[in-house]
Amino acid sequence: MTFRVLSAETSHETNTFNCRKTDEQAFRDRHFLPGVEAVVQRGEANTELAGFLDAGRTWGWQVDHVLSAAATGEKGKKEKGDGKEKGDGGIIN
């Protein structure tokens, strides 16, 4: 019997001081690949997905990869003269 395995990967770099929320758009802005596209772009590279796919081939699994997505906080822009970070994802002092 062959196992059928559903896979997805997410990566999210976060910090407590970032005032920008990480919503779906933050993932789409950085890295948002549906299944087949993710396998084409990341399946042969030095990635977690490639390692998982290698294991699946070794064990004879049917791997259905559905999504690869990543998001990260952005550094804010400094306004002249006030010394505080402002803008999307900025750090407020």
Foldseek 3Di string as FASTA:
>chain_A
DAAEAEAEEEAEADDPQFPADDDPVQFVVPPKDFFVRCCVVPCPPPDPNVVVVVVCVVRVHNYGYGIYTYGYADEADDDPPPPAGDDHRYGGD
